[in-house]
Amino acid sequence: MVSKRSADQARVIAVATAHFSDKGFAAARMDEIAAATATSKRKIYYIFGGKEGLYRAVLTEAYRGIRSAELRAGLEDLPPLPLPHLALGTPCLPDDDSK
C-alpha cells in the first residue's frame, strides 16, 4: 500500500513536471503548484526543501522513466553517444577503423 506521503509526493511531482515543462524553472511558481495539488507551499517546501529540490525530484522521476524504457527496450548494452551528437541532435555513426 502506498503511504499518504508517497502519494502526496507523486501528485506534487506530476503537477510540478507539467509546470516546469510549460513555463521553465524560473517562471514556474510554487504557489501555483501548491494550489493545483490542493496542498500548501509550506508542505511542498517541507517535503522537497524548496523549488530546487522539487525540480531535482522532477528530473529524477523523468530519468527513472527514461531508464525504465531503455531497460524494457534492451538498450542497456549500447555504447553512449558522444556529447556533441546529443547536444546537436545529429546522428552518430560508429567510426569505421577498417579503412
C-alpha atoms as a PDB file:
ATOM      1  CA  MET A   1       0.000   0.000   0.000  1.00  0.00           C
ATOM      2  CA  VAL A   2       1.252   3.480  -0.873  1.00  0.00           C
ATOM      3  CA  SER A   3       1.681   5.848   2.059  1.00  0.00           C
ATOM      4  CA  LYS A   4      -0.085   9.194   2.054  1.00  0.00           C
ATOM      5  CA  ARG A   5       3.276  10.961   1.929  1.00  0.00           C
ATOM      6  CA  SER A   6       4.329   8.942  -1.128  1.00  0.00           C
ATOM      7  CA  ALA A   7       1.005   9.690  -2.809  1.00  0.00           C
ATOM      8  CA  ASP A   8       1.383  13.400  -1.965  1.00  0.00           C
ATOM      9  CA  GLN A   9       4.931  13.424  -3.356  1.00  0.00           C
ATOM     10  CA  ALA A  10       3.854  11.692  -6.561  1.00  0.00           C
ATOM     11  CA  ARG A  11       0.967  14.128  -7.049  1.00  0.00           C
ATOM     12  CA  VAL A  12       3.198  17.172  -6.473  1.00  0.00           C
ATOM     13  CA  ILE A  13       5.885  15.799  -8.809  1.00  0.00           C
ATOM     14  CA  ALA A  14       3.308  15.151 -11.551  1.00  0.00           C
ATOM     15  CA  VAL A  15       1.893  18.673 -11.319  1.00  0.00           C
ATOM     16  CA  ALA A  16       5.347  20.245 -10.998  1.00  0.00           C
ATOM     17  CA  THR A  17       6.514  18.347 -14.082  1.00  0.00           C
ATOM     18  CA  ALA A  18       3.760  19.988 -16.118  1.00  0.00           C
ATOM     19  CA  HIS A  19       4.501  23.436 -14.667  1.00  0.00           C
ATOM     20  CA  PHE A  20       8.265  23.207 -15.197  1.00  0.00           C
ATOM     21  CA  SER A  21       7.888  21.865 -18.732  1.00  0.00           C
ATOM     22  CA  ASP A  22       5.302  24.504 -19.686  1.00  0.00           C
ATOM     23  CA  LYS A  23       6.911  27.520 -18.020  1.00  0.00           C
ATOM     24  CA  GLY A  24      10.524  26.622 -17.317  1.00  0.00           C
ATOM     25  CA  PHE A  25      12.213  26.608 -13.936  1.00  0.00           C
ATOM     26  CA  ALA A  26      12.318  30.377 -13.410  1.00  0.00           C
ATOM     27  CA  ALA A  27       8.680  31.063 -14.318  1.00  0.00           C
ATOM     28  CA  ALA A  28       7.130  28.071 -12.539  1.00  0.00           C
ATOM     29  CA  ARG A  29       5.567  29.274  -9.302  1.00  0.00           C
ATOM     30  CA  MET A  30       5.420  27.230  -6.140  1.00  0.00           C
ATOM     31  CA  ASP A  31       2.095  28.785  -5.108  1.00  0.00           C
ATOM     32  CA  GLU A  32       0.517  27.665  -8.401  1.00  0.00           C
ATOM     33  CA  ILE A  33       1.890  24.151  -7.950  1.00  0.00           C
ATOM     34  CA  ALA A  34       0.570  24.080  -4.383  1.00  0.00           C
ATOM     35  CA  ALA A  35      -2.875  25.278  -5.477  1.00  0.00           C
ATOM     36  CA  ALA A  36      -3.037  22.710  -8.281  1.00  0.00           C
ATOM     37  CA  THR A  37      -2.186  19.905  -5.850  1.00  0.00           C
ATOM     38  CA  ALA A  38      -4.541  21.128  -3.108  1.00  0.00           C
ATOM     39  CA  THR A  39      -1.675  21.345  -0.647  1.00  0.00           C
ATOM     40  CA  SER A  40       0.284  24.159   0.949  1.00  0.00           C
ATOM     41  CA  LYS A  41       3.551  25.677  -0.208  1.00  0.00           C
ATOM     42  CA  ARG A  42       4.810  25.032   3.282  1.00  0.00           C
ATOM     43  CA  LYS A  43       4.218  21.295   2.895  1.00  0.00           C
ATOM     44  CA  ILE A  44       5.948  21.244  -0.502  1.00  0.00           C
ATOM     45  CA  TYR A  45       8.947  23.067   0.985  1.00  0.00           C
ATOM     46  CA  TYR A  46       8.953  20.617   3.903  1.00  0.00           C
ATOM     47  CA  ILE A  47       8.939  17.578   1.607  1.00  0.00           C
ATOM     48  CA  PHE A  48      11.328  18.826  -1.101  1.00  0.00           C
ATOM     49  CA  GLY A  49      13.326  21.524   0.682  1.00  0.00           C
ATOM     50  CA  GLY A  50      12.462  24.210  -1.865  1.00  0.00           C
ATOM     51  CA  LYS A  51      11.950  24.834  -5.548  1.00  0.00           C
ATOM     52  CA  GLU A  52      15.372  23.434  -6.467  1.00  0.00           C
ATOM     53  CA  GLY A  53      14.671  20.236  -4.543  1.00  0.00           C
ATOM     54  CA  LEU A  54      11.316  19.857  -6.258  1.00  0.00           C
ATOM     55  CA  TYR A  55      12.966  20.411  -9.641  1.00  0.00           C
ATOM     56  CA  ARG A  56      15.577  17.750  -8.812  1.00  0.00           C
ATOM     57  CA  ALA A  57      12.763  15.352  -7.880  1.00  0.00           C
ATOM     58  CA  VAL A  58      11.028  16.080 -11.200  1.00  0.00           C
ATOM     59  CA  LEU A  59      14.240  15.421 -13.147  1.00  0.00           C
ATOM     60  CA  THR A  60      14.957  12.263 -11.143  1.00  0.00           C
ATOM     61  CA  GLU A  61      11.477  10.919 -11.870  1.00  0.00           C
ATOM     62  CA  ALA A  62      11.828  11.786 -15.565  1.00  0.00           C
ATOM     63  CA  TYR A  63      15.167   9.978 -15.740  1.00  0.00           C
ATOM     64  CA  ARG A  64      13.679   6.932 -14.000  1.00  0.00           C
ATOM     65  CA  GLY A  65      11.064   6.792 -16.738  1.00  0.00           C
ATOM     66  CA  ILE A  66      13.702   7.086 -19.446  1.00  0.00           C
ATOM     67  CA  ARG A  67      15.894   4.440 -17.817  1.00  0.00           C
ATOM     68  CA  SER A  68      12.946   2.092 -17.407  1.00  0.00           C
ATOM     69  CA  ALA A  69      12.101   2.471 -21.109  1.00  0.00           C
ATOM     70  CA  GLU A  70      15.752   1.801 -22.026  1.00  0.00           C
ATOM     71  CA  LEU A  71      15.753  -1.398 -19.998  1.00  0.00           C
ATOM     72  CA  ARG A  72      12.443  -2.586 -21.479  1.00  0.00           C
ATOM     73  CA  ALA A  73      13.812  -1.927 -24.984  1.00  0.00           C
ATOM     74  CA  GLY A  74      17.058  -3.772 -24.250  1.00  0.00           C
ATOM     75  CA  LEU A  75      19.237  -0.716 -24.852  1.00  0.00           C
ATOM     76  CA  GLU A  76      21.439  -1.037 -21.776  1.00  0.00           C
ATOM     77  CA  ASP A  77      24.299  -2.648 -23.738  1.00  0.00           C
ATOM     78  CA  LEU A  78      24.579   0.082 -26.379  1.00  0.00           C
ATOM     79  CA  PRO A  79      27.573   2.409 -26.085  1.00  0.00           C
ATOM     80  CA  PRO A  80      26.774   6.005 -25.132  1.00  0.00           C
ATOM     81  CA  LEU A  81      26.607   8.652 -27.853  1.00  0.00           C
ATOM     82  CA  PRO A  82      29.330  11.301 -27.889  1.00  0.00           C
ATOM     83  CA  LEU A  83      28.131  14.504 -26.246  1.00  0.00           C
ATOM     84  CA  PRO A  84      28.323  16.746 -29.368  1.00  0.00           C
ATOM     85  CA  HIS A  85      25.845  14.490 -31.166  1.00  0.00           C
ATOM     86  CA  LEU A  86      23.459  14.556 -28.229  1.00  0.00           C
ATOM     87  CA  ALA A  87      23.641  18.335 -27.918  1.00  0.00           C
ATOM     88  CA  LEU A  88      23.125  18.943 -31.633  1.00  0.00           C
ATOM     89  CA  GLY A  89      20.666  16.119 -32.231  1.00  0.00           C
ATOM     90  CA  THR A  90      22.762  14.830 -35.123  1.00  0.00           C
ATOM     91  CA  PRO A  91      23.054  11.164 -35.997  1.00  0.00           C
ATOM     92  CA  CYS A  92      26.141   9.388 -34.801  1.00  0.00           C
ATOM     93  CA  LEU A  93      27.596   6.543 -36.790  1.00  0.00           C
ATOM     94  CA  PRO A  94      30.338   4.333 -35.375  1.00  0.00           C
ATOM     95  CA  ASP A  95      33.844   5.091 -36.590  1.00  0.00           C
ATOM     96  CA  ASP A  96      34.934   2.713 -39.294  1.00  0.00           C
ATOM     97  CA  ASP A  97      38.545   1.901 -38.460  1.00  0.00           C
ATOM     98  CA  SER A  98      38.731  -0.842 -41.091  1.00  0.00           C
ATOM     99  CA  LYS A  99      39.804   1.579 -43.875  1.00  0.00           C
END
